[in-house]
Amino acid sequence: MTIKAPGLTNAFTTPRLTVINSRFNEEEMFLNPPERILSEIDKIKREKKRLDSMEIGLKQELENHYEQNHINGKFISDGVMAIRQRREGKWEYTEATEAFETKAREEIESRKAEEREDGIARQNEPSFSWAIRAEK
């Protein structure tokens, strides 16, 4: 089942702007305006957040059904399967072990910094991506 949120356009099927190039008498395709791109990304991010919240609530309802023995740890309905997964608890260590770990990390960071300063370590080329968020 495909769900399309009301008011949400599909950025991949949204018509692009076109202009006739009189010099070559050919149609040229232009990119969507940056304002439109940001608007569409913002709509998508808000819709994803809303849907993620709904999913969390529905999973909690499944957990409630499991706890009340209405379903087992594996439940199938209309070709969709839900499996209750076990996540191991985190380990808690003594203060001595935590302190040892902290000291070891500090030593490793110090050694790495030393290699950078001595010119031994090499930095890879940077990469780029877009971070999209609501303006504050």
C-alpha atoms as a PDB file:
ATOM      1  CA  MET A   1       0.000   0.000   0.000  1.00  0.00           C
ATOM      2  CA  THR A   2       1.400   3.379  -0.978  1.00  0.00           C
ATOM      3  CA  ILE A   3       0.643   6.357   1.240  1.00  0.00           C
ATOM      4  CA  LYS A   4       0.872   9.870  -0.133  1.00  0.00           C
ATOM      5  CA  ALA A   5       0.672  12.632   2.395  1.00  0.00           C
ATOM      6  CA  PRO A   6      -1.807  15.383   1.581  1.00  0.00           C
ATOM      7  CA  GLY A   7      -0.164  18.543   0.293  1.00  0.00           C
ATOM      8  CA  LEU A   8       3.130  16.758  -0.326  1.00  0.00           C
ATOM      9  CA  THR A   9       4.411  16.813  -3.867  1.00  0.00           C
ATOM     10  CA  ASN A  10       6.781  14.279  -5.273  1.00  0.00           C
ATOM     11  CA  ALA A  11      10.015  16.140  -6.018  1.00  0.00           C
ATOM     12  CA  PHE A  12      10.907  13.543  -8.659  1.00  0.00           C
ATOM     13  CA  THR A  13       7.670  13.936 -10.618  1.00  0.00           C
ATOM     14  CA  THR A  14       7.258  17.674 -10.109  1.00  0.00           C
ATOM     15  CA  PRO A  15       7.443  19.365 -13.508  1.00  0.00           C
ATOM     16  CA  ARG A  16      10.658  21.225 -14.159  1.00  0.00           C
ATOM     17  CA  LEU A  17      10.778  24.716 -15.595  1.00  0.00           C
ATOM     18  CA  THR A  18      11.506  24.856 -19.316  1.00  0.00           C
ATOM     19  CA  VAL A  19      12.566  27.660 -21.614  1.00  0.00           C
ATOM     20  CA  ILE A  20      12.884  27.748 -25.362  1.00  0.00           C
ATOM     21  CA  ASN A  21      16.379  28.723 -26.396  1.00  0.00           C
ATOM     22  CA  SER A  22      15.741  30.964 -29.380  1.00  0.00           C
ATOM     23  CA  ARG A  23      19.376  30.907 -30.501  1.00  0.00           C
ATOM     24  CA  PHE A  24      19.441  27.137 -31.031  1.00  0.00           C
ATOM     25  CA  ASN A  25      15.662  26.724 -31.139  1.00  0.00           C
ATOM     26  CA  GLU A  26      15.934  23.831 -28.670  1.00  0.00           C
ATOM     27  CA  GLU A  27      14.194  23.207 -25.378  1.00  0.00           C
ATOM     28  CA  GLU A  28      16.527  23.432 -22.366  1.00  0.00           C
ATOM     29  CA  MET A  29      15.778  21.888 -19.012  1.00  0.00           C
ATOM     30  CA  PHE A  30      16.588  23.871 -15.877  1.00  0.00           C
ATOM     31  CA  LEU A  31      16.891  22.717 -12.293  1.00  0.00           C
ATOM     32  CA  ASN A  32      14.145  23.361  -9.784  1.00  0.00           C
ATOM     33  CA  PRO A  33      14.622  26.726  -8.045  1.00  0.00           C
ATOM     34  CA  PRO A  34      16.570  26.416  -4.763  1.00  0.00           C
ATOM     35  CA  GLU A  35      13.607  27.842  -2.815  1.00  0.00           C
ATOM     36  CA  ARG A  36      11.373  25.077  -4.134  1.00  0.00           C
ATOM     37  CA  ILE A  37      13.973  22.421  -3.331  1.00  0.00           C
ATOM     38  CA  LEU A  38      14.242  23.599   0.288  1.00  0.00           C
ATOM     39  CA  SER A  39      10.472  23.799   0.595  1.00  0.00           C
ATOM     40  CA  GLU A  40      10.065  20.224  -0.669  1.00  0.00           C
ATOM     41  CA  ILE A  41      12.849  18.902   1.577  1.00  0.00           C
ATOM     42  CA  ASP A  42      11.264  20.644   4.566  1.00  0.00           C
ATOM     43  CA  LYS A  43       7.865  19.073   3.787  1.00  0.00           C
ATOM     44  CA  ILE A  44       9.473  15.644   3.461  1.00  0.00           C
ATOM     45  CA  LYS A  45      11.408  15.984   6.734  1.00  0.00           C
ATOM     46  CA  ARG A  46       8.293  17.065   8.646  1.00  0.00           C
ATOM     47  CA  GLU A  47       6.286  14.201   7.144  1.00  0.00           C
ATOM     48  CA  LYS A  48       9.049  11.692   7.997  1.00  0.00           C
ATOM     49  CA  LYS A  49       9.075  12.938  11.592  1.00  0.00           C
ATOM     50  CA  ARG A  50       5.286  12.593  11.815  1.00  0.00           C
ATOM     51  CA  LEU A  51       5.369   9.091  10.326  1.00  0.00           C
ATOM     52  CA  ASP A  52       8.260   8.007  12.586  1.00  0.00           C
ATOM     53  CA  SER A  53       6.243   9.133  15.595  1.00  0.00           C
ATOM     54  CA  MET A  54       3.223   7.162  14.372  1.00  0.00           C
ATOM     55  CA  GLU A  55       5.400   4.077  13.832  1.00  0.00           C
ATOM     56  CA  ILE A  56       6.748   4.276  17.385  1.00  0.00           C
ATOM     57  CA  GLY A  57       3.212   4.467  18.755  1.00  0.00           C
ATOM     58  CA  LEU A  58       2.034   1.522  16.677  1.00  0.00           C
ATOM     59  CA  LYS A  59       5.028  -0.581  17.752  1.00  0.00           C
ATOM     60  CA  GLN A  60       4.137   0.208  21.360  1.00  0.00           C
ATOM     61  CA  GLU A  61       0.614  -1.036  20.673  1.00  0.00           C
ATOM     62  CA  LEU A  62       2.094  -4.282  19.287  1.00  0.00           C
ATOM     63  CA  GLU A  63       4.149  -4.587  22.484  1.00  0.00           C
ATOM     64  CA  ASN A  64       0.962  -4.122  24.539  1.00  0.00           C
ATOM     65  CA  HIS A  65      -0.761  -6.905  22.561  1.00  0.00           C
ATOM     66  CA  TYR A  66       2.297  -9.127  23.133  1.00  0.00           C
ATOM     67  CA  GLU A  67       2.297  -8.438  26.875  1.00  0.00           C
ATOM     68  CA  GLN A  68      -1.422  -9.299  27.041  1.00  0.00           C
ATOM     69  CA  ASN A  69      -0.730 -12.549  25.135  1.00  0.00           C
ATOM     70  CA  HIS A  70      -2.900 -11.520  22.168  1.00  0.00           C
ATOM     71  CA  ILE A  71      -0.004 -12.164  19.770  1.00  0.00           C
ATOM     72  CA  ASN A  72       3.261 -14.100  19.873  1.00  0.00           C
ATOM     73  CA  GLY A  73       6.759 -12.785  19.206  1.00  0.00           C
ATOM     74  CA  LYS A  74       6.144 -13.338  15.509  1.00  0.00           C
ATOM     75  CA  PHE A  75       2.961 -11.996  13.975  1.00  0.00           C
ATOM     76  CA  ILE A  76       1.910 -12.041  10.312  1.00  0.00           C
ATOM     77  CA  SER A  77      -1.051 -10.207   8.828  1.00  0.00           C
ATOM     78  CA  ASP A  78      -1.848  -9.456   5.159  1.00  0.00           C
ATOM     79  CA  GLY A  79       1.663 -10.396   4.056  1.00  0.00           C
ATOM     80  CA  VAL A  80       3.361  -8.137   6.627  1.00  0.00           C
ATOM     81  CA  MET A  81       5.444  -9.751   9.362  1.00  0.00           C
ATOM     82  CA  ALA A  82       6.422  -8.335  12.744  1.00  0.00           C
ATOM     83  CA  ILE A  83       9.117 -10.054  14.800  1.00  0.00           C
ATOM     84  CA  ARG A  84       9.838  -9.037  18.387  1.00  0.00           C
ATOM     85  CA  GLN A  85      13.586  -8.581  18.649  1.00  0.00           C
ATOM     86  CA  ARG A  86      15.668  -8.861  21.772  1.00  0.00           C
ATOM     87  CA  ARG A  87      18.297  -6.239  22.405  1.00  0.00           C
ATOM     88  CA  GLU A  88      21.003  -7.096  24.868  1.00  0.00           C
ATOM     89  CA  GLY A  89      21.349  -4.753  27.813  1.00  0.00           C
ATOM     90  CA  LYS A  90      24.391  -2.534  28.040  1.00  0.00           C
ATOM     91  CA  TRP A  91      27.224  -3.508  30.334  1.00  0.00           C
ATOM     92  CA  GLU A  92      28.088  -1.440  33.386  1.00  0.00           C
ATOM     93  CA  TYR A  93      31.724  -1.574  34.446  1.00  0.00           C
ATOM     94  CA  THR A  94      33.585  -0.660  37.598  1.00  0.00           C
ATOM     95  CA  GLU A  95      34.994   2.828  38.044  1.00  0.00           C
ATOM     96  CA  ALA A  96      38.517   1.402  37.695  1.00  0.00           C
ATOM     97  CA  THR A  97      37.722  -0.064  34.265  1.00  0.00           C
ATOM     98  CA  GLU A  98      35.988   3.149  33.155  1.00  0.00           C
ATOM     99  CA  ALA A  99      38.999   5.190  34.300  1.00  0.00           C
ATOM    100  CA  PHE A 100      41.369   2.843  32.435  1.00  0.00           C
ATOM    101  CA  GLU A 101      39.285   3.245  29.266  1.00  0.00           C
ATOM    102  CA  THR A 102      39.286   7.043  29.587  1.00  0.00           C
ATOM    103  CA  LYS A 103      43.055   7.115  30.055  1.00  0.00           C
ATOM    104  CA  ALA A 104      43.605   4.793  27.067  1.00  0.00           C
ATOM    105  CA  ARG A 105      41.393   6.994  24.857  1.00  0.00           C
ATOM    106  CA  GLU A 106      43.288  10.099  25.949  1.00  0.00           C
ATOM    107  CA  GLU A 107      46.601   8.413  25.122  1.00  0.00           C
ATOM    108  CA  ILE A 108      45.337   7.369  21.692  1.00  0.00           C
ATOM    109  CA  GLU A 109      44.092  10.905  20.955  1.00  0.00           C
ATOM    110  CA  SER A 110      47.440  12.304  22.106  1.00  0.00           C
ATOM    111  CA  ARG A 111      49.323   9.929  19.804  1.00  0.00           C
ATOM    112  CA  LYS A 112      47.062  10.840  16.875  1.00  0.00           C
ATOM    113  CA  ALA A 113      47.573  14.555  17.529  1.00  0.00           C
ATOM    114  CA  GLU A 114      51.324  13.967  17.627  1.00  0.00           C
ATOM    115  CA  GLU A 115      51.231  12.221  14.238  1.00  0.00           C
ATOM    116  CA  ARG A 116      49.227  15.112  12.762  1.00  0.00           C
ATOM    117  CA  GLU A 117      51.701  17.673  14.141  1.00  0.00           C
ATOM    118  CA  ASP A 118      54.716  15.687  12.908  1.00  0.00           C
ATOM    119  CA  GLY A 119      53.223  15.377   9.432  1.00  0.00           C
ATOM    120  CA  ILE A 120      53.033  11.590   9.612  1.00  0.00           C
ATOM    121  CA  ALA A 121      49.237  11.346   9.439  1.00  0.00           C
ATOM    122  CA  ARG A 122      47.570  12.237   6.133  1.00  0.00           C
ATOM    123  CA  GLN A 123      44.124  13.771   5.812  1.00  0.00           C
ATOM    124  CA  ASN A 124      41.765  12.536   3.104  1.00  0.00           C
ATOM    125  CA  GLU A 125      40.083  14.966   0.744  1.00  0.00           C
ATOM    126  CA  PRO A 126      36.981  16.557   2.230  1.00  0.00           C
ATOM    127  CA  SER A 127      33.538  15.537   1.056  1.00  0.00           C
ATOM    128  CA  PHE A 128      30.415  17.660   0.998  1.00  0.00           C
ATOM    129  CA  SER A 129      26.730  17.184   1.735  1.00  0.00           C
ATOM    130  CA  TRP A 130      23.756  19.379   2.510  1.00  0.00           C
ATOM    131  CA  ALA A 131      22.390  19.745   6.051  1.00  0.00           C
ATOM    132  CA  ILE A 132      18.776  20.879   5.970  1.00  0.00           C
ATOM    133  CA  ARG A 133      17.028  22.206   9.087  1.00  0.00           C
ATOM    134  CA  ALA A 134      14.431  24.751  10.090  1.00  0.00           C
ATOM    135  CA  GLU A 135      15.700  28.301  10.443  1.00  0.00           C
ATOM    136  CA  LYS A 136      15.893  29.471  14.061  1.00  0.00           C
END
